[in-house]
Amino acid sequence: MNTHQDTHGHNGHEPAAGSDAALAKLLELDGEVLASYFSELTGRLAELADPSPARILDLGSGPGTGTLALARRFPAAHVTAVDISAQMLHHLSEQALAHGVADRITTVEANIDESWAEFSRGGPYDLIWAAAFLHHVADPARTFARAFERLNPGGLIAVTEMDFFPLYLPEDTGVGRPGLEARLHAATNTRPPHEWTDHLRDAGFTLQERRPFDIRLDATQAGPSLNTYAQVSLAKLRSHATEVLAADDLAALDVLLDEEQPHSVARRDDLTVRTTRTTWIARRP
């Protein structure tokens, strides 16, 4: 199981409400803790976009982490956010209202693998954003072709993938054997990384850059949500590890996730965030 595939936008089979709520919380925390990364990425898009985009499409928006980042970066733009989950889109609408951008965001409940008619009416678009989402679709080639058709000439598409789930813990956590988190990742992240360069070119796009973002944040840089972010993230990994991680490691992980324990992730002051994400930025000629 490649757990990082389950962390962002929705498509295909709609998750249960409880699953959506947990995922929305994780994605909200992702946006808070990695705010500097989202600012850097959207800043790079602003440098490449000419002119500044007026209409943006967010495919697989989830609760709106990317939608809100785009709305902040491009204050004159209207963003159409598409997701299969009504609960996610309701959450996005609430966040848009709270951040004062509700008048610039339209939400559309739709399955990307089916008709694009409903959200195509908001186009043609100047920028299409797809963060940790396109690996969910049934036919990526068809999805890229549809995206190409709905971009204005000169418009950009930005496709981002999480290369691996973030790491948070020190090598020796004080519980169990050292190296627990590395073994957890090795056991649950078994698929090769995604690669979209050929898909973009085959659809007619001109690749502008394939840009890796190396994210390394200490507790001060990550901010006050770090402990909760790590707790929720590691609990998600734990849910996939029951059959693949050694019993002693599972027991140690359970101790770390127990908020009443002295070594609990929720209580620690030695957490960091280490991960990489890759973005492909391409232009429609």
C-alpha atoms as a PDB file:
ATOM      1  CA  MET A   1       0.000   0.000   0.000  1.00  0.00           C
ATOM      2  CA  ASN A   2       1.374   3.380  -0.996  1.00  0.00           C
ATOM      3  CA  THR A   3      -0.138   5.467   1.758  1.00  0.00           C
ATOM      4  CA  HIS A   4       0.756   8.836   0.327  1.00  0.00           C
ATOM      5  CA  GLN A   5      -1.730   8.151  -2.461  1.00  0.00           C
ATOM      6  CA  ASP A   6      -4.598   8.560  -0.025  1.00  0.00           C
ATOM      7  CA  THR A   7      -3.843  11.988   1.311  1.00  0.00           C
ATOM      8  CA  HIS A   8      -5.286  14.518  -1.093  1.00  0.00           C
ATOM      9  CA  GLY A   9      -8.003  15.042  -3.707  1.00  0.00           C
ATOM     10  CA  HIS A  10     -10.930  12.700  -4.205  1.00  0.00           C
ATOM     11  CA  ASN A  11     -12.188  10.822  -7.207  1.00  0.00           C
ATOM     12  CA  GLY A  12     -13.883   7.570  -8.058  1.00  0.00           C
ATOM     13  CA  HIS A  13     -15.324   5.875  -4.996  1.00  0.00           C
ATOM     14  CA  GLU A  14     -16.502   8.389  -2.418  1.00  0.00           C
ATOM     15  CA  PRO A  15     -15.102   7.713   1.072  1.00  0.00           C
ATOM     16  CA  ALA A  16     -17.280   7.360   4.126  1.00  0.00           C
ATOM     17  CA  ALA A  17     -18.156  10.518   6.021  1.00  0.00           C
ATOM     18  CA  GLY A  18     -15.848   9.654   8.910  1.00  0.00           C
ATOM     19  CA  SER A  19     -12.974   9.067   6.532  1.00  0.00           C
ATOM     20  CA  ASP A  20     -13.634  12.421   4.859  1.00  0.00           C
ATOM     21  CA  ALA A  21     -13.613  14.225   8.203  1.00  0.00           C
ATOM     22  CA  ALA A  22     -10.267  12.714   9.186  1.00  0.00           C
ATOM     23  CA  LEU A  23      -8.775  13.478   5.786  1.00  0.00           C
ATOM     24  CA  ALA A  24     -10.057  17.046   5.859  1.00  0.00           C
ATOM     25  CA  LYS A  25      -8.368  17.558   9.220  1.00  0.00           C
ATOM     26  CA  LEU A  26      -5.076  16.174   7.912  1.00  0.00           C
ATOM     27  CA  LEU A  27      -5.188  18.379   4.819  1.00  0.00           C
ATOM     28  CA  GLU A  28      -6.021  21.465   6.842  1.00  0.00           C
ATOM     29  CA  LEU A  29      -3.027  20.776   9.058  1.00  0.00           C
ATOM     30  CA  ASP A  30      -0.915  20.210   5.952  1.00  0.00           C
ATOM     31  CA  GLY A  31      -1.826  23.687   4.767  1.00  0.00           C
ATOM     32  CA  GLU A  32      -1.028  25.266   8.147  1.00  0.00           C
ATOM     33  CA  VAL A  33       2.298  23.543   8.782  1.00  0.00           C
ATOM     34  CA  LEU A  34       3.530  23.737   5.186  1.00  0.00           C
ATOM     35  CA  ALA A  35       2.336  27.284   4.549  1.00  0.00           C
ATOM     36  CA  SER A  36       5.811  28.358   3.442  1.00  0.00           C
ATOM     37  CA  TYR A  37       5.897  25.574   0.841  1.00  0.00           C
ATOM     38  CA  PHE A  38       2.495  26.543  -0.589  1.00  0.00           C
ATOM     39  CA  SER A  39       3.622  30.160  -0.721  1.00  0.00           C
ATOM     40  CA  GLU A  40       6.802  29.203  -2.580  1.00  0.00           C
ATOM     41  CA  LEU A  41       4.935  27.041  -5.086  1.00  0.00           C
ATOM     42  CA  THR A  42       2.194  29.546  -5.847  1.00  0.00           C
ATOM     43  CA  GLY A  43       4.842  32.260  -6.035  1.00  0.00           C
ATOM     44  CA  ARG A  44       6.625  30.285  -8.728  1.00  0.00           C
ATOM     45  CA  LEU A  45       3.374  29.953 -10.658  1.00  0.00           C
ATOM     46  CA  ALA A  46       2.911  33.728 -10.418  1.00  0.00           C
ATOM     47  CA  GLU A  47       6.378  34.191 -11.940  1.00  0.00           C
ATOM     48  CA  LEU A  48       5.560  31.904 -14.876  1.00  0.00           C
ATOM     49  CA  ALA A  49       1.984  33.023 -15.531  1.00  0.00           C
ATOM     50  CA  ASP A  50       1.669  35.781 -18.133  1.00  0.00           C
ATOM     51  CA  PRO A  51      -0.713  37.434 -17.632  1.00  0.00           C
ATOM     52  CA  SER A  52      -1.812  36.699 -14.081  1.00  0.00           C
ATOM     53  CA  PRO A  53      -4.567  34.056 -14.177  1.00  0.00           C
ATOM     54  CA  ALA A  54      -8.151  35.256 -13.985  1.00  0.00           C
ATOM     55  CA  ARG A  55      -9.768  31.791 -13.942  1.00  0.00           C
ATOM     56  CA  ILE A  56      -8.274  28.835 -12.063  1.00  0.00           C
ATOM     57  CA  LEU A  57      -9.448  25.213 -11.874  1.00  0.00           C
ATOM     58  CA  ASP A  58      -8.531  23.083  -8.842  1.00  0.00           C
ATOM     59  CA  LEU A  59      -9.007  19.394  -9.659  1.00  0.00           C
ATOM     60  CA  GLY A  60      -9.550  17.151  -6.639  1.00  0.00           C
ATOM     61  CA  SER A  61      -9.655  20.106  -4.275  1.00  0.00           C
ATOM     62  CA  GLY A  62     -10.444  18.251  -1.054  1.00  0.00           C
ATOM     63  CA  PRO A  63     -11.207  20.790   1.704  1.00  0.00           C
ATOM     64  CA  GLY A  64      -9.481  23.571  -0.186  1.00  0.00           C
ATOM     65  CA  THR A  65      -5.859  23.758   0.949  1.00  0.00           C
ATOM     66  CA  GLY A  66      -4.731  24.535  -2.588  1.00  0.00           C
ATOM     67  CA  THR A  67      -7.859  26.501  -3.449  1.00  0.00           C
ATOM     68  CA  LEU A  68      -7.256  28.971  -0.636  1.00  0.00           C
ATOM     69  CA  ALA A  69      -3.525  29.216  -1.377  1.00  0.00           C
ATOM     70  CA  LEU A  70      -4.335  30.082  -4.992  1.00  0.00           C
ATOM     71  CA  ALA A  71      -6.991  32.607  -3.981  1.00  0.00           C
ATOM     72  CA  ARG A  72      -4.457  34.324  -1.710  1.00  0.00           C
ATOM     73  CA  ARG A  73      -1.735  34.383  -4.337  1.00  0.00           C
ATOM     74  CA  PHE A  74      -3.984  35.617  -7.153  1.00  0.00           C
ATOM     75  CA  PRO A  75      -6.405  38.110  -5.544  1.00  0.00           C
ATOM     76  CA  ALA A  76      -8.130  38.963  -8.839  1.00  0.00           C
ATOM     77  CA  ALA A  77      -8.757  35.343  -9.845  1.00  0.00           C
ATOM     78  CA  HIS A  78     -11.879  33.200  -9.554  1.00  0.00           C
ATOM     79  CA  VAL A  79     -11.186  29.588  -8.523  1.00  0.00           C
ATOM     80  CA  THR A  80     -13.424  26.649  -9.431  1.00  0.00           C
ATOM     81  CA  ALA A  81     -12.845  23.778  -6.985  1.00  0.00           C
ATOM     82  CA  VAL A  82     -13.937  20.289  -8.066  1.00  0.00           C
ATOM     83  CA  ASP A  83     -14.208  17.260  -5.798  1.00  0.00           C
ATOM     84  CA  ILE A  84     -16.397  14.163  -5.562  1.00  0.00           C
ATOM     85  CA  SER A  85     -17.031  14.642  -1.841  1.00  0.00           C
ATOM     86  CA  ALA A  86     -19.892  16.930  -0.841  1.00  0.00           C
ATOM     87  CA  GLN A  87     -18.536  17.005   2.718  1.00  0.00           C
ATOM     88  CA  MET A  88     -15.134  18.208   1.531  1.00  0.00           C
ATOM     89  CA  LEU A  89     -16.703  20.927  -0.587  1.00  0.00           C
ATOM     90  CA  HIS A  90     -18.938  22.049   2.285  1.00  0.00           C
ATOM     91  CA  HIS A  91     -15.830  22.364   4.431  1.00  0.00           C
ATOM     92  CA  LEU A  92     -14.110  24.329   1.650  1.00  0.00           C
ATOM     93  CA  SER A  93     -17.051  26.729   1.416  1.00  0.00           C
ATOM     94  CA  GLU A  94     -16.916  27.352   5.156  1.00  0.00           C
ATOM     95  CA  GLN A  95     -13.190  28.046   4.986  1.00  0.00           C
ATOM     96  CA  ALA A  96     -13.621  30.353   2.003  1.00  0.00           C
ATOM     97  CA  LEU A  97     -16.211  32.343   3.936  1.00  0.00           C
ATOM     98  CA  ALA A  98     -13.969  32.507   7.008  1.00  0.00           C
ATOM     99  CA  HIS A  99     -11.056  33.781   4.895  1.00  0.00           C
ATOM    100  CA  GLY A 100     -13.139  36.369   3.066  1.00  0.00           C
ATOM    101  CA  VAL A 101     -12.815  34.825  -0.402  1.00  0.00           C
ATOM    102  CA  ALA A 102     -16.200  33.097  -0.785  1.00  0.00           C
ATOM    103  CA  ASP A 103     -17.163  35.441  -3.616  1.00  0.00           C
ATOM    104  CA  ARG A 104     -14.163  34.228  -5.651  1.00  0.00           C
ATOM    105  CA  ILE A 105     -14.583  30.473  -5.177  1.00  0.00           C
ATOM    106  CA  THR A 106     -17.098  28.163  -6.842  1.00  0.00           C
ATOM    107  CA  THR A 107     -17.405  24.547  -5.709  1.00  0.00           C
ATOM    108  CA  VAL A 108     -18.538  21.744  -8.026  1.00  0.00           C
ATOM    109  CA  GLU A 109     -19.312  18.217  -6.863  1.00  0.00           C
ATOM    110  CA  ALA A 110     -18.233  15.954  -9.722  1.00  0.00           C
ATOM    111  CA  ASN A 111     -16.344  12.787 -10.607  1.00  0.00           C
ATOM    112  CA  ILE A 112     -13.350  13.723 -12.772  1.00  0.00           C
ATOM    113  CA  ASP A 113     -13.572  10.369 -14.551  1.00  0.00           C
ATOM    114  CA  GLU A 114     -17.022  11.265 -15.848  1.00  0.00           C
ATOM    115  CA  SER A 115     -18.357  14.360 -17.614  1.00  0.00           C
ATOM    116  CA  TRP A 116     -16.530  17.676 -17.225  1.00  0.00           C
ATOM    117  CA  ALA A 117     -19.474  19.650 -18.585  1.00  0.00           C
ATOM    118  CA  GLU A 118     -20.557  21.222 -15.298  1.00  0.00           C
ATOM    119  CA  PHE A 119     -17.238  22.761 -14.343  1.00  0.00           C
ATOM    120  CA  SER A 120     -16.133  23.417 -17.924  1.00  0.00           C
ATOM    121  CA  ARG A 121     -18.674  26.238 -17.977  1.00  0.00           C
ATOM    122  CA  GLY A 122     -16.363  28.218 -15.682  1.00  0.00           C
ATOM    123  CA  GLY A 123     -13.590  28.121 -18.272  1.00  0.00           C
ATOM    124  CA  PRO A 124     -11.600  28.317 -20.344  1.00  0.00           C
ATOM    125  CA  TYR A 125      -9.050  28.488 -17.556  1.00  0.00           C
ATOM    126  CA  ASP A 126      -5.698  30.202 -17.248  1.00  0.00           C
ATOM    127  CA  LEU A 127      -4.312  27.820 -14.609  1.00  0.00           C
ATOM    128  CA  ILE A 128      -5.198  24.248 -13.669  1.00  0.00           C
ATOM    129  CA  TRP A 129      -3.986  22.901 -10.320  1.00  0.00           C
ATOM    130  CA  ALA A 130      -3.937  19.202  -9.414  1.00  0.00           C
ATOM    131  CA  ALA A 131      -2.202  18.463  -6.103  1.00  0.00           C
ATOM    132  CA  ALA A 132      -1.614  14.813  -5.134  1.00  0.00           C
ATOM    133  CA  PHE A 133      -4.677  13.913  -7.134  1.00  0.00           C
ATOM    134  CA  LEU A 134      -4.048  12.697 -10.681  1.00  0.00           C
ATOM    135  CA  HIS A 135      -2.878   9.269  -9.529  1.00  0.00           C
ATOM    136  CA  HIS A 136      -6.495   8.732  -8.411  1.00  0.00           C
ATOM    137  CA  VAL A 137      -8.027   9.037 -11.882  1.00  0.00           C
ATOM    138  CA  ALA A 138      -8.921   5.999 -13.973  1.00  0.00           C
ATOM    139  CA  ASP A 139      -7.348   7.302 -17.205  1.00  0.00           C
ATOM    140  CA  PRO A 140      -4.602   9.907 -16.683  1.00  0.00           C
ATOM    141  CA  ALA A 141      -4.039  10.356 -20.438  1.00  0.00           C
ATOM    142  CA  ARG A 142      -7.690  11.273 -20.954  1.00  0.00           C
ATOM    143  CA  THR A 143      -7.596  13.615 -17.957  1.00  0.00           C
ATOM    144  CA  PHE A 144      -4.532  15.451 -19.275  1.00  0.00           C
ATOM    145  CA  ALA A 145      -6.158  15.746 -22.707  1.00  0.00           C
ATOM    146  CA  ARG A 146      -9.300  17.217 -21.154  1.00  0.00           C
ATOM    147  CA  ALA A 147      -7.207  19.654 -19.126  1.00  0.00           C
ATOM    148  CA  PHE A 148      -5.375  20.752 -22.273  1.00  0.00           C
ATOM    149  CA  GLU A 149      -8.681  21.453 -24.036  1.00  0.00           C
ATOM    150  CA  ARG A 150      -9.926  23.614 -21.167  1.00  0.00           C
ATOM    151  CA  LEU A 151      -6.835  25.805 -20.841  1.00  0.00           C
ATOM    152  CA  ASN A 152      -6.424  29.044 -22.709  1.00  0.00           C
ATOM    153  CA  PRO A 153      -3.396  29.132 -25.028  1.00  0.00           C
ATOM    154  CA  GLY A 154      -0.448  30.105 -22.853  1.00  0.00           C
ATOM    155  CA  GLY A 155      -2.197  28.778 -19.749  1.00  0.00           C
ATOM    156  CA  LEU A 156      -0.417  26.670 -17.144  1.00  0.00           C
ATOM    157  CA  ILE A 157      -1.071  23.338 -15.496  1.00  0.00           C
ATOM    158  CA  ALA A 158       0.611  22.491 -12.175  1.00  0.00           C
ATOM    159  CA  VAL A 159       0.625  18.842 -11.114  1.00  0.00           C
ATOM    160  CA  THR A 160       2.053  18.017  -7.696  1.00  0.00           C
ATOM    161  CA  GLU A 161       2.797  14.675  -6.062  1.00  0.00           C
ATOM    162  CA  MET A 162       3.944  13.882  -2.549  1.00  0.00           C
ATOM    163  CA  ASP A 163       7.132  11.856  -3.014  1.00  0.00           C
ATOM    164  CA  PHE A 164       6.798  10.304   0.424  1.00  0.00           C
ATOM    165  CA  PHE A 165       4.727  10.828   3.532  1.00  0.00           C
ATOM    166  CA  PRO A 166       6.380  13.334   5.901  1.00  0.00           C
ATOM    167  CA  LEU A 167       8.814  12.181   8.567  1.00  0.00           C
ATOM    168  CA  TYR A 168       8.529  13.720  12.016  1.00  0.00           C
ATOM    169  CA  LEU A 169      10.314  11.672  14.657  1.00  0.00           C
ATOM    170  CA  PRO A 170      13.941  11.542  15.802  1.00  0.00           C
ATOM    171  CA  GLU A 171      15.880   8.345  15.106  1.00  0.00           C
ATOM    172  CA  ASP A 172      15.564   7.277  18.737  1.00  0.00           C
ATOM    173  CA  THR A 173      12.155   8.133  20.158  1.00  0.00           C
ATOM    174  CA  GLY A 174      12.832   6.641  23.582  1.00  0.00           C
ATOM    175  CA  VAL A 175      10.287   3.908  22.835  1.00  0.00           C
ATOM    176  CA  GLY A 176      11.213   0.592  21.243  1.00  0.00           C
ATOM    177  CA  ARG A 177      14.053   0.164  18.788  1.00  0.00           C
ATOM    178  CA  PRO A 178      15.621   3.186  17.038  1.00  0.00           C
ATOM    179  CA  GLY A 179      14.577   3.733  13.434  1.00  0.00           C
ATOM    180  CA  LEU A 180      10.872   3.034  13.948  1.00  0.00           C
ATOM    181  CA  GLU A 181       9.595   5.689  11.551  1.00  0.00           C
ATOM    182  CA  ALA A 182      11.928   4.585   8.757  1.00  0.00           C
ATOM    183  CA  ARG A 183      10.671   1.010   9.101  1.00  0.00           C
ATOM    184  CA  LEU A 184       7.071   2.227   9.128  1.00  0.00           C
ATOM    185  CA  HIS A 185       7.631   4.059   5.860  1.00  0.00           C
ATOM    186  CA  ALA A 186       9.476   1.162   4.263  1.00  0.00           C
ATOM    187  CA  ALA A 187       6.606  -1.176   5.141  1.00  0.00           C
ATOM    188  CA  THR A 188       3.768   1.035   3.907  1.00  0.00           C
ATOM    189  CA  ASN A 189       5.220   2.992   0.976  1.00  0.00           C
ATOM    190  CA  THR A 190       6.047   0.325  -1.577  1.00  0.00           C
ATOM    191  CA  ARG A 191       5.117   1.777  -4.969  1.00  0.00           C
ATOM    192  CA  PRO A 192       7.468   3.762  -7.209  1.00  0.00           C
ATOM    193  CA  PRO A 193       7.006   7.535  -7.341  1.00  0.00           C
ATOM    194  CA  HIS A 194       4.655   9.013  -9.918  1.00  0.00           C
ATOM    195  CA  GLU A 195       6.043  10.532 -13.109  1.00  0.00           C
ATOM    196  CA  TRP A 196       3.915  12.802 -15.302  1.00  0.00           C
ATOM    197  CA  THR A 197       6.415  14.249 -17.805  1.00  0.00           C
ATOM    198  CA  ASP A 198       5.466  11.983 -20.708  1.00  0.00           C
ATOM    199  CA  HIS A 199       1.742  12.305 -20.033  1.00  0.00           C
ATOM    200  CA  LEU A 200       1.984  16.075 -20.210  1.00  0.00           C
ATOM    201  CA  ARG A 201       3.955  16.053 -23.440  1.00  0.00           C
ATOM    202  CA  ASP A 202       1.676  13.460 -25.015  1.00  0.00           C
ATOM    203  CA  ALA A 203      -1.316  15.695 -24.252  1.00  0.00           C
ATOM    204  CA  GLY A 204       0.332  18.585 -26.100  1.00  0.00           C
ATOM    205  CA  PHE A 205       1.773  20.571 -23.187  1.00  0.00           C
ATOM    206  CA  THR A 206       5.222  22.135 -23.188  1.00  0.00           C
ATOM    207  CA  LEU A 207       6.980  21.286 -19.948  1.00  0.00           C
ATOM    208  CA  GLN A 208       8.281  24.409 -18.223  1.00  0.00           C
ATOM    209  CA  GLU A 209       9.915  22.660 -15.305  1.00  0.00           C
ATOM    210  CA  ARG A 210       9.866  19.599 -13.118  1.00  0.00           C
ATOM    211  CA  ARG A 211      10.515  21.139  -9.736  1.00  0.00           C
ATOM    212  CA  PRO A 212      11.285  19.235  -6.521  1.00  0.00           C
ATOM    213  CA  PHE A 213      10.560  20.968  -3.227  1.00  0.00           C
ATOM    214  CA  ASP A 214      12.739  19.751  -0.376  1.00  0.00           C
ATOM    215  CA  ILE A 215      10.822  20.552   2.805  1.00  0.00           C
ATOM    216  CA  ARG A 216      12.758  20.674   6.075  1.00  0.00           C
ATOM    217  CA  LEU A 217      11.075  22.480   8.956  1.00  0.00           C
ATOM    218  CA  ASP A 218      11.969  22.575  12.636  1.00  0.00           C
ATOM    219  CA  ALA A 219       9.360  23.094  15.319  1.00  0.00           C
ATOM    220  CA  THR A 220       9.658  26.882  15.202  1.00  0.00           C
ATOM    221  CA  GLN A 221       9.245  27.002  11.432  1.00  0.00           C
ATOM    222  CA  ALA A 222       6.391  24.489  11.400  1.00  0.00           C
ATOM    223  CA  GLY A 223       4.399  26.351  14.034  1.00  0.00           C
ATOM    224  CA  PRO A 224       1.995  25.338  16.785  1.00  0.00           C
ATOM    225  CA  SER A 225       0.078  22.779  14.711  1.00  0.00           C
ATOM    226  CA  LEU A 226       3.116  20.516  14.266  1.00  0.00           C
ATOM    227  CA  ASN A 227       2.321  18.065  17.058  1.00  0.00           C
ATOM    228  CA  THR A 228      -1.266  17.593  15.924  1.00  0.00           C
ATOM    229  CA  TYR A 229      -0.123  17.259  12.303  1.00  0.00           C
ATOM    230  CA  ALA A 230       2.366  14.549  13.254  1.00  0.00           C
ATOM    231  CA  GLN A 231      -0.170  12.786  15.465  1.00  0.00           C
ATOM    232  CA  VAL A 232      -2.829  12.651  12.742  1.00  0.00           C
ATOM    233  CA  SER A 233      -0.321  11.684  10.030  1.00  0.00           C
ATOM    234  CA  LEU A 234       1.273   8.875  12.026  1.00  0.00           C
ATOM    235  CA  ALA A 235      -2.148   7.561  13.056  1.00  0.00           C
ATOM    236  CA  LYS A 236      -3.043   7.337   9.360  1.00  0.00           C
ATOM    237  CA  LEU A 237       0.138   5.389   8.631  1.00  0.00           C
ATOM    238  CA  ARG A 238      -0.561   3.169  11.650  1.00  0.00           C
ATOM    239  CA  SER A 239      -3.940   2.241  10.169  1.00  0.00           C
ATOM    240  CA  HIS A 240      -2.156   0.749   7.149  1.00  0.00           C
ATOM    241  CA  ALA A 241       0.638  -0.958   9.083  1.00  0.00           C
ATOM    242  CA  THR A 242      -1.155  -3.672  11.054  1.00  0.00           C
ATOM    243  CA  GLU A 243      -0.280  -6.488   8.672  1.00  0.00           C
ATOM    244  CA  VAL A 244       3.121  -5.255   7.507  1.00  0.00           C
ATOM    245  CA  LEU A 245       5.011  -3.951  10.561  1.00  0.00           C
ATOM    246  CA  ALA A 246       6.662  -6.090  13.261  1.00  0.00           C
ATOM    247  CA  ALA A 247       4.669  -6.553  16.458  1.00  0.00           C
ATOM    248  CA  ASP A 248       7.186  -4.729  18.652  1.00  0.00           C
ATOM    249  CA  ASP A 249       7.179  -1.755  16.276  1.00  0.00           C
ATOM    250  CA  LEU A 250       3.386  -1.656  16.288  1.00  0.00           C
ATOM    251  CA  ALA A 251       3.434  -1.648  20.086  1.00  0.00           C
ATOM    252  CA  ALA A 252       5.998   1.172  20.164  1.00  0.00           C
ATOM    253  CA  LEU A 253       3.977   3.181  17.669  1.00  0.00           C
ATOM    254  CA  ASP A 254       0.859   2.752  19.780  1.00  0.00           C
ATOM    255  CA  VAL A 255       2.714   4.145  22.779  1.00  0.00           C
ATOM    256  CA  LEU A 256       3.836   7.147  20.749  1.00  0.00           C
ATOM    257  CA  LEU A 257       0.261   7.773  19.605  1.00  0.00           C
ATOM    258  CA  ASP A 258      -1.138   7.528  23.128  1.00  0.00           C
ATOM    259  CA  GLU A 259      -1.538  11.116  24.286  1.00  0.00           C
ATOM    260  CA  GLU A 260      -1.295  10.063  27.925  1.00  0.00           C
ATOM    261  CA  GLN A 261       2.204   8.610  27.545  1.00  0.00           C
ATOM    262  CA  PRO A 262       5.278  10.760  28.368  1.00  0.00           C
ATOM    263  CA  HIS A 263       6.873  10.025  24.954  1.00  0.00           C
ATOM    264  CA  SER A 264       3.647  10.778  23.086  1.00  0.00           C
ATOM    265  CA  VAL A 265       3.893  12.557  19.743  1.00  0.00           C
ATOM    266  CA  ALA A 266       1.335  15.015  21.116  1.00  0.00           C
ATOM    267  CA  ARG A 267       3.730  16.063  23.910  1.00  0.00           C
ATOM    268  CA  ARG A 268       7.137  16.038  22.207  1.00  0.00           C
ATOM    269  CA  ASP A 269       9.284  19.112  21.579  1.00  0.00           C
ATOM    270  CA  ASP A 270      11.755  17.376  19.229  1.00  0.00           C
ATOM    271  CA  LEU A 271       9.537  16.934  16.160  1.00  0.00           C
ATOM    272  CA  THR A 272      10.452  18.200  12.690  1.00  0.00           C
ATOM    273  CA  VAL A 273       8.926  17.890   9.209  1.00  0.00           C
ATOM    274  CA  ARG A 274      11.003  16.271   6.456  1.00  0.00           C
ATOM    275  CA  THR A 275       9.528  15.460   3.063  1.00  0.00           C
ATOM    276  CA  THR A 276       9.748  16.243  -0.631  1.00  0.00           C
ATOM    277  CA  ARG A 277       7.082  17.089  -3.168  1.00  0.00           C
ATOM    278  CA  THR A 278       7.509  17.343  -6.920  1.00  0.00           C
ATOM    279  CA  THR A 279       5.591  19.709  -9.176  1.00  0.00           C
ATOM    280  CA  TRP A 280       5.375  19.542 -12.943  1.00  0.00           C
ATOM    281  CA  ILE A 281       4.555  22.930 -14.470  1.00  0.00           C
ATOM    282  CA  ALA A 282       3.584  22.874 -18.144  1.00  0.00           C
ATOM    283  CA  ARG A 283       2.086  25.333 -20.597  1.00  0.00           C
ATOM    284  CA  ARG A 284      -0.438  24.981 -23.351  1.00  0.00           C
ATOM    285  CA  PRO A 285       1.268  26.434 -26.458  1.00  0.00           C
END
